Structure formats: structure tokens, C-alpha cells
């Protein structure tokens, strides 16, 4: 179990559920480039599904669909899975910034804080997938210390599996 209050000293973090779908949708609408490369369409129904989608063998108690807030403004959303694909690894299934906070190192600060908190909790690494061909995502994640391990096919959609050792 991850104590989400320990993931950031800068932002207030809350677990998001279906009552936040409109807020998540509005944040995502500000990032059209992501959806040019993603296999998942930007639809409220997709967001609802993603809120509860877990990898094989992972229960909802280990899935954290999080909102990072400054005052009442949703700054970022993150889908974090504890113990996947191995117990000492966490997986970021989704991360997106509010466009008004991009280019100000806010996203990097969030990733840095989350990784530090996970390391203190005994995690060895964080993994994620980057849509192949998305220059913005590839730049962001490699700038934040993630190394591309390999290219994989995810349901006919090429992605890079990336990892950051903690």
C-alpha cells in the first residue's frame, strides 16, 4: 500500500474516481499531441475504463489513479501501479500535465518527488511505456532519467518500454 500523501511536498494528491472524469477529460484535451501517437482515443468512456483497468494479477488496491492539485487546480494526473511487473517495481500507466503548467519543470518535479518517495518505500525501479514516435513524450521521460529498454508491440501499437532505476 502506497501512502499517497508521501508522493509530493509540492502538490495535494487525491485518488481520482468517476466523479473526476470531466476534470481529467479537460486536462487531457489540452494535450492533443499525445493522442496523435496513442492507441487510446480521448473519450470520457475511455477515461472511466482506465480508472479501474489493472494489469493481470494486480488488484485495485494496488492501483492509484492520482490527481496532483495546486489549490483547486488539477495540475497533473498519474496512473501508478504498485508491484508491477514485479513487487519491487512500480509502473506508471499514464501521466499527463495540465498544459498551463507545461514547460515550467512542474512535470519533472512531480516525477522526481514520486520516484524519491518510491525509493524510500523500498522500490528498485519505475517502468512505463512511451508511444513510439512521440517526440514530446520521449524527450520528457529520457530527460527525467528513464532508459528505453526495448520496443514492444501493445495490441498492434508500437511502444518503448522504459525504466528508471531508483
Protein backbone atom coordinates (compact mmCIF):
# COMPACT_ATOMS: atom_id res chain seq x y z
CA UNK A 1 0.00 0.00 0.00
CA UNK A 2 1.37 3.39 -1.03
CA UNK A 3 0.75 6.38 1.23
CA UNK A 4 -0.11 8.92 -1.49
CA UNK A 5 0.46 11.85 0.88
CA UNK A 6 4.17 10.99 0.78
CA UNK A 7 4.43 11.32 -3.01
CA UNK A 8 4.69 15.12 -3.07
CA UNK A 9 5.57 18.01 -0.80
CA UNK A 10 4.51 20.49 -3.50
CA UNK A 11 1.08 19.24 -4.51
CA UNK A 12 -2.02 17.96 -2.76
CA UNK A 13 -2.70 14.47 -4.09
CA UNK A 14 -6.03 12.70 -4.22
CA UNK A 15 -7.15 9.38 -5.61
CA UNK A 16 -9.43 10.03 -8.55
CA UNK A 17 -12.65 8.20 -9.34
CA UNK A 18 -15.54 8.54 -11.80
CA UNK A 19 -16.66 11.84 -10.21
CA UNK A 20 -13.45 13.43 -11.61
CA UNK A 21 -13.91 12.28 -15.23
CA UNK A 22 -14.85 15.75 -16.52
CA UNK A 23 -11.76 17.31 -14.90
CA UNK A 24 -9.48 14.59 -16.28
CA UNK A 25 -11.05 14.96 -19.72
CA UNK A 26 -10.49 18.74 -19.75
CA UNK A 27 -6.85 18.31 -18.72
CA UNK A 28 -6.31 15.69 -21.45
CA UNK A 29 -7.99 17.85 -24.12
CA UNK A 30 -5.14 20.32 -23.65
CA UNK A 31 -2.64 17.73 -24.91
CA UNK A 32 -3.71 16.81 -28.45
CA UNK A 33 -0.19 15.75 -29.49
CA UNK A 34 -0.29 12.83 -27.07
CA UNK A 35 -3.41 11.46 -28.74
CA UNK A 36 -1.84 11.65 -32.22
CA UNK A 37 0.51 8.85 -31.11
CA UNK A 38 -1.62 6.94 -28.60
CA UNK A 39 -3.77 3.94 -29.42
CA UNK A 40 -6.34 5.08 -26.83
CA UNK A 41 -8.83 7.70 -28.03
CA UNK A 42 -9.67 10.72 -25.90
CA UNK A 43 -13.19 9.86 -24.75
CA UNK A 44 -14.79 10.07 -21.33
CA UNK A 45 -15.69 6.39 -21.63
CA UNK A 46 -12.00 5.55 -22.10
CA UNK A 47 -11.08 7.57 -19.01
CA UNK A 48 -13.75 5.75 -16.98
CA UNK A 49 -12.33 2.42 -18.14
CA UNK A 50 -8.74 3.49 -17.37
CA UNK A 51 -9.66 4.45 -13.81
CA UNK A 52 -10.18 0.77 -13.00
CA UNK A 53 -8.02 -1.03 -15.55
CA UNK A 54 -5.28 -3.12 -13.95
CA UNK A 55 -2.57 -5.39 -15.32
CA UNK A 56 -3.01 -9.16 -14.94
CA UNK A 57 -2.65 -10.27 -11.33
CA UNK A 58 -2.97 -6.76 -9.89
CA UNK A 59 -5.95 -5.76 -7.77
CA UNK A 60 -7.50 -2.31 -7.44
CA UNK A 61 -5.86 -1.91 -4.03
CA UNK A 62 -2.51 -1.60 -5.84
CA UNK A 63 -3.71 0.87 -8.49
CA UNK A 64 -3.55 4.58 -7.82
CA UNK A 65 -5.15 6.91 -10.35
CA UNK A 66 -3.98 10.19 -8.85
CA UNK A 67 -4.63 13.88 -9.26
CA UNK A 68 -1.93 16.39 -8.33
CA UNK A 69 -3.50 19.68 -7.25
CA UNK A 70 -2.27 23.18 -6.57
CA UNK A 71 -5.08 24.89 -4.70
CA UNK A 72 -8.15 23.67 -6.63
CA UNK A 73 -6.37 23.34 -9.98
CA UNK A 74 -5.70 19.87 -11.38
CA UNK A 75 -2.05 20.13 -12.41
CA UNK A 76 -1.39 16.51 -13.41
CA UNK A 77 -2.85 13.03 -13.45
CA UNK A 78 -0.92 9.82 -12.93
CA UNK A 79 -1.90 6.17 -13.09
CA UNK A 80 0.53 4.39 -10.77
CA UNK A 81 0.53 0.64 -10.21
CA UNK A 82 2.37 -0.77 -7.20
CA UNK A 83 4.19 -4.08 -7.60
CA UNK A 84 4.03 -4.43 -11.37
CA UNK A 85 5.56 -6.24 -13.16
CA UNK A 86 7.48 -7.31 -10.04
CA UNK A 87 6.93 -6.46 -6.38
CA UNK A 88 9.94 -4.11 -6.23
CA UNK A 89 8.84 -2.12 -9.30
CA UNK A 90 6.07 0.42 -9.85
CA UNK A 91 4.54 1.10 -13.24
CA UNK A 92 3.28 4.45 -14.50
CA UNK A 93 0.45 3.61 -16.86
CA UNK A 94 -0.38 7.23 -17.65
CA UNK A 95 0.96 10.67 -16.82
CA UNK A 96 -0.29 13.95 -18.21
CA UNK A 97 0.21 17.58 -17.26
CA UNK A 98 -2.20 20.46 -17.41
CA UNK A 99 -0.97 22.46 -20.43
CA UNK A 100 -0.81 25.64 -18.31
CA UNK A 101 1.92 24.01 -16.19
CA UNK A 102 3.99 22.54 -19.03
CA UNK A 103 7.45 23.87 -19.78
CA UNK A 104 7.90 25.09 -16.19
CA UNK A 105 9.57 21.94 -14.80
CA UNK A 106 6.37 21.07 -12.90
CA UNK A 107 6.11 17.64 -14.53
CA UNK A 108 9.76 16.85 -13.85
CA UNK A 109 9.31 17.94 -10.22
CA UNK A 110 6.36 15.58 -9.83
CA UNK A 111 8.27 12.65 -11.34
CA UNK A 112 11.30 13.42 -9.17
CA UNK A 113 9.23 13.53 -5.99
CA UNK A 114 7.29 10.37 -6.83
CA UNK A 115 10.47 8.45 -7.65
CA UNK A 116 12.15 9.65 -4.43
CA UNK A 117 9.13 8.58 -2.35
CA UNK A 118 9.01 5.17 -4.04
CA UNK A 119 12.73 4.65 -3.47
CA UNK A 120 12.27 5.45 0.24
CA UNK A 121 9.49 2.87 0.27
CA UNK A 122 11.96 0.24 -0.99
CA UNK A 123 11.16 0.18 -4.70
CA UNK A 124 14.03 -0.58 -7.08
CA UNK A 125 12.66 0.90 -10.30
CA UNK A 126 9.79 2.61 -12.08
CA UNK A 127 8.70 1.46 -15.55
CA UNK A 128 6.40 2.87 -18.18
CA UNK A 129 5.65 2.73 -21.89
CA UNK A 130 6.25 5.58 -24.32
CA UNK A 131 4.32 5.74 -27.56
CA UNK A 132 6.83 5.19 -30.36
CA UNK A 133 7.28 8.29 -32.47
CA UNK A 134 6.04 10.77 -29.87
CA UNK A 135 8.97 13.18 -29.61
CA UNK A 136 7.48 15.16 -26.70
CA UNK A 137 6.95 12.08 -24.51
CA UNK A 138 10.27 10.50 -25.43
CA UNK A 139 12.13 13.72 -24.58
CA UNK A 140 10.29 14.18 -21.27
CA UNK A 141 10.89 10.68 -19.99
CA UNK A 142 14.53 10.39 -21.07
CA UNK A 143 15.22 13.86 -19.62
CA UNK A 144 13.85 12.52 -16.34
CA UNK A 145 16.23 9.57 -16.23
CA UNK A 146 14.22 6.82 -17.93
CA UNK A 147 16.13 4.50 -20.23
CA UNK A 148 14.44 2.76 -23.14
CA UNK A 149 14.81 -0.98 -22.61
CA UNK A 150 13.16 -2.26 -25.77
CA UNK A 151 10.40 -1.76 -28.30
CA UNK A 152 7.29 -3.86 -27.76
CA UNK A 153 4.03 -4.34 -29.56
CA UNK A 154 0.98 -3.48 -27.47
CA UNK A 155 -2.13 -4.66 -29.31
CA UNK A 156 -0.70 -3.66 -32.69
CA UNK A 157 0.66 -0.37 -31.37
CA UNK A 158 4.46 0.02 -31.05
CA UNK A 159 5.72 1.41 -27.74
CA UNK A 160 9.02 1.69 -25.94
CA UNK A 161 9.31 0.03 -22.55
CA UNK A 162 11.37 2.39 -20.37
CA UNK A 163 12.73 2.15 -16.85
CA UNK A 164 14.30 4.36 -14.23
CA UNK A 165 16.43 2.66 -11.59
CA UNK A 166 15.86 4.13 -8.15
